[in-house]
């Protein structure tokens, strides 16, 4: 009679021992799962009995079948595990708890077989169960993530539909009912100008990836602040977010300043935002106003932060289309033929009339700054250092930028 090697006989032996003690193994795994994973203790009793115990039994039988035949786990068994993991995802069981359940089951089986097999066969038992566990965890993870991605897709589509309805003012309440959205009494609409992260300009870094990471951090921080997914849309440099508010008449200034500071820290970029409140039916109007306020803040080179219309009443009016804006912008037309003058004027006004700072930042002599300022005064009839001239030239720059559609970028 030919003597079989341990590897040829231990598989069927393991399968036989496991199936003979299957009810006991099933109970031990379930008991330890309840003791070591609190999330399973909160499951309904019916679900625990009919689903979790059933999955445990099917997992043990599948492993035993593979050990008996020496063949990989059957496709039907793998599909069962995927479907089971998808149900856990649908129920909101954390993925770490799901995966841990399979590791716990494998540990129970290893401890059991260590008492049933001779020492020289225990190593094979460990390897065999580890192989089965590797396949199982791969299937479980795939099934769980597929379901979560589907949920996120459905949730994201619902949010996108709701956001589109609010921004167009069309069938708002019908869309809310269809998507399961509870509309708040009001939204605080933010129109964001998002500065570039330093990694976006690095040659050794994929700028698009850096921009996506920046936006993902902003989204995550917004969701954390509100405590739920926020209706929002972003590009690399701009964004629109609808923050639900329970009191439409409250002064949100302090809270909004904190929100913008948190977003800037989370993304490590400067963010300038225009803000406008409004009920759900007026979100479209609030969004337009918020964008105008944001662009006004940028045009007047305001520092990063949150701005409302009340913060920029005069500046906002100066940049509105009309004859006055066109006349203001035309004041700077004589400077067009002198490319050095307009940047120097802009920087001089930004630096609070500090000619030495302008010289340092433009890498020129202070006397050159003085010469350029005199040329600006001669060409426009307005002295940049004068009170009236400085105010008028500031307004003219804002009007020029607004007419050209190029508000200034957020500055650190």
Protein backbone atom coordinates (compact mmCIF):
# COMPACT_ATOMS: atom_id res chain seq x y z
CA UNK A 1 0.00 0.00 0.00
CA UNK A 2 1.41 3.34 -1.04
CA UNK A 3 1.92 5.81 1.79
CA UNK A 4 0.32 9.22 1.14
CA UNK A 5 2.16 12.41 1.96
CA UNK A 6 0.59 14.72 4.53
CA UNK A 7 -0.35 17.19 1.78
CA UNK A 8 -2.43 14.55 0.00
CA UNK A 9 -4.40 13.42 3.03
CA UNK A 10 -4.65 16.38 5.35
CA UNK A 11 -7.11 18.33 3.16
CA UNK A 12 -9.86 15.70 3.24
CA UNK A 13 -9.14 15.08 6.93
CA UNK A 14 -9.50 18.77 7.72
CA UNK A 15 -12.75 18.92 5.76
CA UNK A 16 -14.14 15.89 7.58
CA UNK A 17 -13.28 17.26 11.03
CA UNK A 18 -14.70 20.70 10.23
CA UNK A 19 -17.99 19.34 8.89
CA UNK A 20 -18.35 16.98 11.85
CA UNK A 21 -18.05 19.94 14.24
CA UNK A 22 -19.74 22.52 12.03
CA UNK A 23 -22.57 23.49 14.46
CA UNK A 24 -20.06 23.99 17.28
CA UNK A 25 -17.70 26.04 15.09
CA UNK A 26 -20.62 28.11 13.85
CA UNK A 27 -21.75 28.88 17.39
CA UNK A 28 -18.25 29.74 18.57
CA UNK A 29 -17.63 32.08 15.65
CA UNK A 30 -20.98 33.80 16.17
CA UNK A 31 -20.42 34.13 19.93
CA UNK A 32 -16.96 35.63 19.49
CA UNK A 33 -18.24 37.94 16.78
CA UNK A 34 -20.89 39.30 19.13
CA UNK A 35 -18.38 39.63 21.96
CA UNK A 36 -15.60 41.31 19.95
CA UNK A 37 -17.51 43.39 17.39
CA UNK A 38 -20.15 45.63 19.02
CA UNK A 39 -21.66 46.51 15.62
CA UNK A 40 -22.99 42.95 15.28
CA UNK A 41 -24.66 43.13 18.68
CA UNK A 42 -26.80 45.96 17.39
CA UNK A 43 -28.15 43.95 14.46
CA UNK A 44 -31.81 42.80 14.66
CA UNK A 45 -32.18 39.29 16.05
CA UNK A 46 -33.83 38.04 12.87
CA UNK A 47 -30.95 39.32 10.77
CA UNK A 48 -28.42 37.74 13.09
CA UNK A 49 -30.14 34.35 12.99
CA UNK A 50 -31.08 34.17 9.34
CA UNK A 51 -28.20 36.01 7.71
CA UNK A 52 -25.04 36.17 9.80
CA UNK A 53 -25.30 32.57 11.00
CA UNK A 54 -26.15 31.44 7.48
CA UNK A 55 -23.11 33.21 6.07
CA UNK A 56 -20.95 31.60 8.73
CA UNK A 57 -22.28 28.15 7.88
CA UNK A 58 -21.87 28.63 4.13
CA UNK A 59 -18.34 29.95 4.59
CA UNK A 60 -17.35 26.88 6.62
CA UNK A 61 -18.94 24.51 4.11
CA UNK A 62 -17.25 26.25 1.19
CA UNK A 63 -13.82 26.02 2.81
CA UNK A 64 -14.42 22.36 3.68
CA UNK A 65 -15.45 21.56 0.10
CA UNK A 66 -12.29 23.19 -1.26
CA UNK A 67 -10.15 21.24 1.23
CA UNK A 68 -11.83 17.95 0.34
CA UNK A 69 -11.44 18.33 -3.43
CA UNK A 70 -8.17 20.26 -3.50
CA UNK A 71 -9.74 22.67 -6.01
CA UNK A 72 -10.18 26.44 -5.66
CA UNK A 73 -13.32 27.78 -4.07
CA UNK A 74 -16.33 27.40 -6.35
CA UNK A 75 -17.60 30.41 -8.36
CA UNK A 76 -21.05 29.99 -6.76
CA UNK A 77 -19.49 30.25 -3.32
CA UNK A 78 -17.57 33.36 -4.30
CA UNK A 79 -20.74 34.96 -5.65
CA UNK A 80 -22.48 34.16 -2.36
CA UNK A 81 -19.75 35.94 -0.40
CA UNK A 82 -19.93 38.99 -2.66
CA UNK A 83 -23.69 39.21 -2.25
CA UNK A 84 -23.39 38.84 1.52
CA UNK A 85 -20.81 41.63 1.72
CA UNK A 86 -23.03 43.86 -0.44
CA UNK A 87 -25.87 43.38 2.07
CA UNK A 88 -23.56 44.39 4.92
CA UNK A 89 -22.64 47.54 2.96
CA UNK A 90 -26.31 48.30 2.38
CA UNK A 91 -26.98 47.88 6.12
CA UNK A 92 -24.15 50.27 6.98
CA UNK A 93 -21.89 47.72 8.69
CA UNK A 94 -18.33 49.13 8.52
CA UNK A 95 -16.04 47.27 6.14
CA UNK A 96 -13.45 46.73 8.87
CA UNK A 97 -16.07 44.84 10.90
CA UNK A 98 -17.02 42.72 7.90
CA UNK A 99 -13.43 41.74 7.08
CA UNK A 100 -12.60 41.17 10.76
CA UNK A 101 -15.45 38.64 10.96
CA UNK A 102 -13.73 36.45 8.36
CA UNK A 103 -10.36 36.69 10.07
CA UNK A 104 -12.02 35.79 13.35
CA UNK A 105 -13.67 32.77 11.71
CA UNK A 106 -10.36 31.64 10.26
CA UNK A 107 -8.73 31.97 13.67
CA UNK A 108 -11.42 29.79 15.27
CA UNK A 109 -10.91 27.15 12.57
CA UNK A 110 -7.12 27.20 12.95
CA UNK A 111 -7.37 26.82 16.74
CA UNK A 112 -9.79 23.93 16.29
CA UNK A 113 -7.70 22.08 13.70
CA UNK A 114 -4.56 22.50 15.80
CA UNK A 115 -6.23 20.21 18.35
CA UNK A 116 -7.37 17.70 15.72
CA UNK A 117 -4.30 17.17 13.55
CA UNK A 118 -0.84 15.77 14.27
CA UNK A 119 1.87 18.43 14.62
CA UNK A 120 3.38 17.74 11.19
CA UNK A 121 0.07 18.56 9.50
CA UNK A 122 -0.72 21.79 11.37
CA UNK A 123 1.50 23.86 9.05
CA UNK A 124 -0.45 22.64 6.04
CA UNK A 125 -3.69 23.54 7.82
CA UNK A 126 -2.47 27.09 8.40
CA UNK A 127 -1.44 27.49 4.75
CA UNK A 128 -4.68 26.03 3.42
CA UNK A 129 -6.88 28.25 5.57
CA UNK A 130 -4.76 31.30 4.76
CA UNK A 131 -5.21 30.63 1.04
CA UNK A 132 -8.96 30.35 1.49
CA UNK A 133 -9.00 33.50 3.60
CA UNK A 134 -7.11 35.45 0.95
CA UNK A 135 -9.67 34.54 -1.71
CA UNK A 136 -12.57 35.19 0.67
CA UNK A 137 -11.39 38.64 1.74
CA UNK A 138 -10.83 39.62 -1.90
CA UNK A 139 -14.39 38.64 -2.82
CA UNK A 140 -15.89 40.24 0.29
CA UNK A 141 -14.03 43.52 -0.24
CA UNK A 142 -15.02 43.65 -3.90
CA UNK A 143 -18.68 43.00 -3.12
CA UNK A 144 -18.75 45.56 -0.33
CA UNK A 145 -17.06 48.29 -2.38
CA UNK A 146 -19.26 47.68 -5.42
CA UNK A 147 -22.35 48.24 -3.29
CA UNK A 148 -20.89 51.31 -1.63
CA UNK A 149 -19.94 52.80 -5.00
CA UNK A 150 -23.46 52.18 -6.22
CA UNK A 151 -24.85 53.90 -3.12
CA UNK A 152 -22.51 56.83 -3.54
CA UNK A 153 -23.45 57.05 -7.21
CA UNK A 154 -27.15 57.08 -6.41
CA UNK A 155 -26.67 59.58 -3.58
CA UNK A 156 -24.44 61.77 -5.73
CA UNK A 157 -26.93 61.70 -8.59
CA UNK A 158 -29.73 62.70 -6.22
CA UNK A 159 -27.67 65.60 -4.84
CA UNK A 160 -26.73 66.72 -8.35
CA UNK A 161 -30.39 66.66 -9.41
CA UNK A 162 -31.43 68.62 -6.32
CA UNK A 163 -28.67 71.18 -6.81
CA UNK A 164 -29.62 71.67 -10.45
CA UNK A 165 -33.27 72.20 -9.50
CA UNK A 166 -32.35 74.78 -6.85
CA UNK A 167 -30.06 76.68 -9.22
CA UNK A 168 -32.74 76.85 -11.90
CA UNK A 169 -35.69 77.28 -9.55
CA UNK A 170 -37.58 74.52 -11.37
CA UNK A 171 -39.87 72.02 -9.60
CA UNK A 172 -37.90 72.34 -6.39
CA UNK A 173 -40.37 70.64 -4.07
CA UNK A 174 -41.17 67.90 -6.60
CA UNK A 175 -37.48 67.08 -7.01
CA UNK A 176 -36.99 67.18 -3.24
CA UNK A 177 -39.75 64.63 -2.74
CA UNK A 178 -38.41 62.39 -5.51
CA UNK A 179 -34.82 62.47 -4.20
CA UNK A 180 -35.74 62.27 -0.52
CA UNK A 181 -34.20 65.67 0.22
CA UNK A 182 -35.41 67.59 3.28
CA UNK A 183 -35.24 71.26 2.29
CA UNK A 184 -34.11 73.63 5.08
CA UNK A 185 -35.79 76.98 5.75
CA UNK A 186 -32.86 78.70 4.01
CA UNK A 187 -29.48 78.16 2.42
CA UNK A 188 -26.36 80.25 2.83
CA UNK A 189 -24.96 80.15 -0.70
CA UNK A 190 -21.18 80.35 -1.03
CA UNK A 191 -19.43 81.21 -4.28
CA UNK A 192 -15.78 80.24 -3.80
CA UNK A 193 -12.57 81.32 -5.49
CA UNK A 194 -10.05 78.63 -4.61
CA UNK A 195 -6.35 79.35 -4.80
CA UNK A 196 -3.92 76.89 -6.36
CA UNK A 197 -2.13 74.48 -4.07
CA UNK A 198 1.65 74.65 -4.31
CA UNK A 199 1.74 71.05 -5.57
CA UNK A 200 -0.31 72.04 -8.62
CA UNK A 201 2.67 74.02 -9.96
CA UNK A 202 5.39 71.47 -9.22
CA UNK A 203 6.94 69.80 -12.24
CA UNK A 204 7.40 66.50 -10.42
CA UNK A 205 3.74 66.31 -9.35
CA UNK A 206 0.64 65.65 -11.44
CA UNK A 207 -1.17 68.99 -11.14
CA UNK A 208 -4.59 67.49 -11.86
CA UNK A 209 -4.18 64.96 -9.07
CA UNK A 210 -3.08 67.73 -6.68
CA UNK A 211 -6.16 69.78 -7.65
CA UNK A 212 -8.49 66.82 -7.09
CA UNK A 213 -6.96 66.16 -3.70
CA UNK A 214 -7.48 69.84 -2.79
CA UNK A 215 -11.15 69.73 -3.80
CA UNK A 216 -11.68 66.43 -2.00
CA UNK A 217 -10.36 67.96 1.23
CA UNK A 218 -12.66 70.95 0.83
CA UNK A 219 -15.66 68.68 0.25
CA UNK A 220 -14.80 66.53 3.23
CA UNK A 221 -14.38 69.56 5.49
CA UNK A 222 -17.71 71.02 4.36
CA UNK A 223 -19.47 67.72 5.04
CA UNK A 224 -17.81 67.55 8.46
CA UNK A 225 -18.87 71.07 9.38
CA UNK A 226 -22.49 70.55 8.30
CA UNK A 227 -22.67 66.94 9.50
CA UNK A 228 -24.08 65.68 6.18
CA UNK A 229 -23.18 65.72 2.47
CA UNK A 230 -23.40 69.31 1.20
CA UNK A 231 -24.98 70.29 -2.11
CA UNK A 232 -21.91 71.59 -3.93
CA UNK A 233 -19.99 71.65 -7.19
CA UNK A 234 -16.32 72.43 -7.75
CA UNK A 235 -13.67 72.95 -10.35
CA UNK A 236 -9.97 73.35 -9.58
CA UNK A 237 -10.34 77.10 -9.05
CA UNK A 238 -13.99 77.72 -8.21
CA UNK A 239 -16.85 76.25 -6.24
CA UNK A 240 -20.46 76.68 -5.22
CA UNK A 241 -21.82 75.32 -1.95
CA UNK A 242 -25.27 75.48 -0.38
CA UNK A 243 -25.07 75.41 3.41
CA UNK A 244 -28.43 74.65 5.08
CA UNK A 245 -29.51 77.13 7.75
CA UNK A 246 -32.47 76.91 10.12
CA UNK A 247 -32.78 80.67 10.70
CA UNK A 248 -32.84 82.64 7.45
CA UNK A 249 -32.64 86.01 9.25
CA UNK A 250 -29.69 85.21 11.53
CA UNK A 251 -26.34 86.96 11.21
CA UNK A 252 -23.97 84.18 10.13
CA UNK A 253 -20.86 86.36 9.97
CA UNK A 254 -18.87 84.80 12.83
CA UNK A 255 -19.82 81.24 11.89
CA UNK A 256 -19.06 81.88 8.22
CA UNK A 257 -15.62 83.29 9.03
CA UNK A 258 -14.88 80.10 10.95
CA UNK A 259 -16.11 77.95 8.04
CA UNK A 260 -13.85 79.72 5.53
CA UNK A 261 -10.87 79.52 7.87
CA UNK A 262 -11.45 75.78 8.34
CA UNK A 263 -11.75 75.19 4.59
CA UNK A 264 -8.54 77.11 3.91
CA UNK A 265 -6.63 75.13 6.53
CA UNK A 266 -8.01 71.80 5.31
CA UNK A 267 -6.97 72.45 1.71
CA UNK A 268 -3.90 74.57 2.57
CA UNK A 269 -4.92 77.19 0.01
CA UNK A 270 -6.35 80.73 0.17
CA UNK A 271 -10.13 80.84 -0.38
CA UNK A 272 -12.24 83.91 -1.05
CA UNK A 273 -16.01 83.53 -0.89
CA UNK A 274 -19.03 85.62 -1.61
CA UNK A 275 -22.02 84.68 0.55
CA UNK A 276 -25.72 85.33 0.15
CA UNK A 277 -28.64 83.81 2.07
CA UNK A 278 -31.96 82.81 0.60
CA UNK A 279 -34.85 80.37 0.93
CA UNK A 280 -34.80 77.31 -1.35
CA UNK A 281 -37.02 79.12 -3.86
CA UNK A 282 -34.47 81.97 -4.18
CA UNK A 283 -31.23 79.98 -4.31
CA UNK A 284 -30.69 80.91 -7.96
CA UNK A 285 -30.77 84.63 -7.10
CA UNK A 286 -28.57 84.09 -4.05
CA UNK A 287 -26.03 82.20 -6.15
CA UNK A 288 -25.79 85.03 -8.67
CA UNK A 289 -25.36 87.61 -5.92
CA UNK A 290 -22.77 85.48 -4.10
CA UNK A 291 -20.74 85.20 -7.33
CA UNK A 292 -20.89 88.98 -7.83
CA UNK A 293 -19.76 89.62 -4.25
CA UNK A 294 -16.90 87.14 -4.65
CA UNK A 295 -15.74 88.76 -7.88
CA UNK A 296 -15.96 92.20 -6.29
CA UNK A 297 -13.77 91.07 -3.39
CA UNK A 298 -11.25 89.72 -5.87
CA UNK A 299 -11.35 92.80 -8.07
CA UNK A 300 -10.53 94.99 -5.08
CA UNK A 301 -7.79 92.60 -3.95
CA UNK A 302 -9.43 91.87 -0.63
CA UNK A 303 -7.66 89.20 1.49
CA UNK A 304 -9.03 85.63 1.57
CA UNK A 305 -12.14 85.19 3.63
CA UNK A 306 -15.92 85.44 3.47
CA UNK A 307 -17.72 88.53 2.20
CA UNK A 308 -21.35 89.55 2.07
CA UNK A 309 -22.89 92.35 0.05
CA UNK A 310 -22.93 94.60 3.14
CA UNK A 311 -19.14 94.27 3.32
CA UNK A 312 -18.65 95.60 -0.22
CA UNK A 313 -21.58 97.87 -0.97
CA UNK A 314 -19.60 100.69 -2.61
CA UNK A 315 -17.17 98.35 -4.37
CA UNK A 316 -19.99 96.20 -5.71
CA UNK A 317 -21.81 99.21 -7.10
CA UNK A 318 -18.66 100.49 -8.79
CA UNK A 319 -18.25 97.26 -10.74
CA UNK A 320 -21.83 97.03 -12.05
CA UNK A 321 -22.17 97.35 -15.84
CA UNK A 322 -23.16 100.77 -17.10
CA UNK A 323 -21.93 104.09 -18.31
CA UNK A 324 -20.16 104.93 -15.03
CA UNK A 325 -18.12 101.72 -15.09
CA UNK A 326 -17.14 102.27 -18.71
CA UNK A 327 -16.03 105.85 -17.98
CA UNK A 328 -14.01 104.68 -14.98
CA UNK A 329 -12.24 101.99 -16.98
CA UNK A 330 -11.55 104.49 -19.77
CA UNK A 331 -9.55 106.62 -17.33
CA UNK A 332 -6.77 104.04 -17.57
CA UNK A 333 -6.73 103.86 -21.37
CA UNK A 334 -3.70 106.21 -21.66
CA UNK A 335 -1.63 103.67 -19.72
CA UNK A 336 -2.15 100.91 -22.28
CA UNK A 337 0.82 102.04 -24.36
CA UNK A 338 3.14 101.84 -21.34
CA UNK A 339 3.19 98.21 -20.07
CA UNK A 340 5.16 99.01 -16.89
CA UNK A 341 2.74 101.59 -15.55
CA UNK A 342 -0.42 99.60 -14.89
CA UNK A 343 1.30 96.81 -12.84
CA UNK A 344 3.13 99.45 -10.81
CA UNK A 345 -0.11 101.35 -10.15
CA UNK A 346 -1.91 98.18 -9.13
CA UNK A 347 0.87 97.15 -6.75
CA UNK A 348 1.21 100.67 -5.33
CA UNK A 349 -2.46 100.75 -4.37
CA UNK A 350 -2.34 97.20 -2.99
CA UNK A 351 0.70 98.06 -0.84
CA UNK A 352 -1.00 101.03 0.80
CA UNK A 353 1.06 103.62 -1.14
CA UNK A 354 4.33 102.13 0.16
CA UNK A 355 6.76 102.94 -2.66
CA UNK A 356 9.67 101.01 -1.08
CA UNK A 357 7.62 97.83 -0.87
CA UNK A 358 6.62 98.27 -4.51
CA UNK A 359 10.25 98.72 -5.48
CA UNK A 360 11.29 95.60 -3.56
CA UNK A 361 8.55 93.47 -5.07
CA UNK A 362 9.20 94.69 -8.60
CA UNK A 363 12.98 94.58 -8.15
CA UNK A 364 13.42 98.21 -9.19
CA UNK A 365 14.78 101.35 -7.52
CA UNK A 366 12.33 103.49 -5.48
CA UNK A 367 13.19 106.40 -7.78
CA UNK A 368 11.86 104.33 -10.69
CA UNK A 369 8.60 103.89 -8.78
CA UNK A 370 8.37 107.64 -8.27
CA UNK A 371 9.00 108.24 -11.99
CA UNK A 372 6.26 105.81 -12.98
CA UNK A 373 3.78 107.34 -10.54
CA UNK A 374 4.47 110.79 -12.00
CA UNK A 375 3.89 109.40 -15.51
CA UNK A 376 0.57 107.89 -14.38
CA UNK A 377 -0.52 111.23 -12.95
CA UNK A 378 0.49 113.04 -16.13
CA UNK A 379 -1.33 110.61 -18.42
CA UNK A 380 -4.52 110.23 -16.40
CA UNK A 381 -4.75 113.54 -14.59
CA UNK A 382 -5.02 111.61 -11.31
CA UNK A 383 -2.25 111.42 -8.73
CA UNK A 384 -2.00 107.92 -7.18
CA UNK A 385 -0.71 109.41 -3.90
CA UNK A 386 -3.59 111.87 -3.63
CA UNK A 387 -6.68 110.93 -1.61
CA UNK A 388 -9.13 111.59 -4.45
CA UNK A 389 -6.75 110.30 -7.11
CA UNK A 390 -6.04 107.09 -5.22
CA UNK A 391 -9.74 106.34 -4.66
CA UNK A 392 -10.60 107.10 -8.29
CA UNK A 393 -7.75 105.01 -9.68
CA UNK A 394 -8.69 102.12 -7.37
CA UNK A 395 -12.24 102.26 -8.69
CA UNK A 396 -10.95 102.55 -12.26
CA UNK A 397 -8.84 99.39 -11.83
CA UNK A 398 -11.84 97.53 -10.43
CA UNK A 399 -14.01 98.72 -13.31
CA UNK A 400 -11.32 97.73 -15.83
CA UNK A 401 -11.04 94.23 -14.33
CA UNK A 402 -14.80 93.81 -14.08
CA UNK A 403 -15.31 94.91 -17.68
CA UNK A 404 -12.64 92.44 -18.80
CA UNK A 405 -14.07 89.66 -16.63
CA UNK A 406 -10.80 89.10 -14.79
CA UNK A 407 -11.15 89.48 -11.03
CA UNK A 408 -7.90 89.08 -9.18
CA UNK A 409 -6.84 85.71 -7.74
CA UNK A 410 -7.00 84.92 -4.03
CA UNK A 411 -3.80 86.06 -2.38
CA UNK A 412 -2.19 84.50 0.67
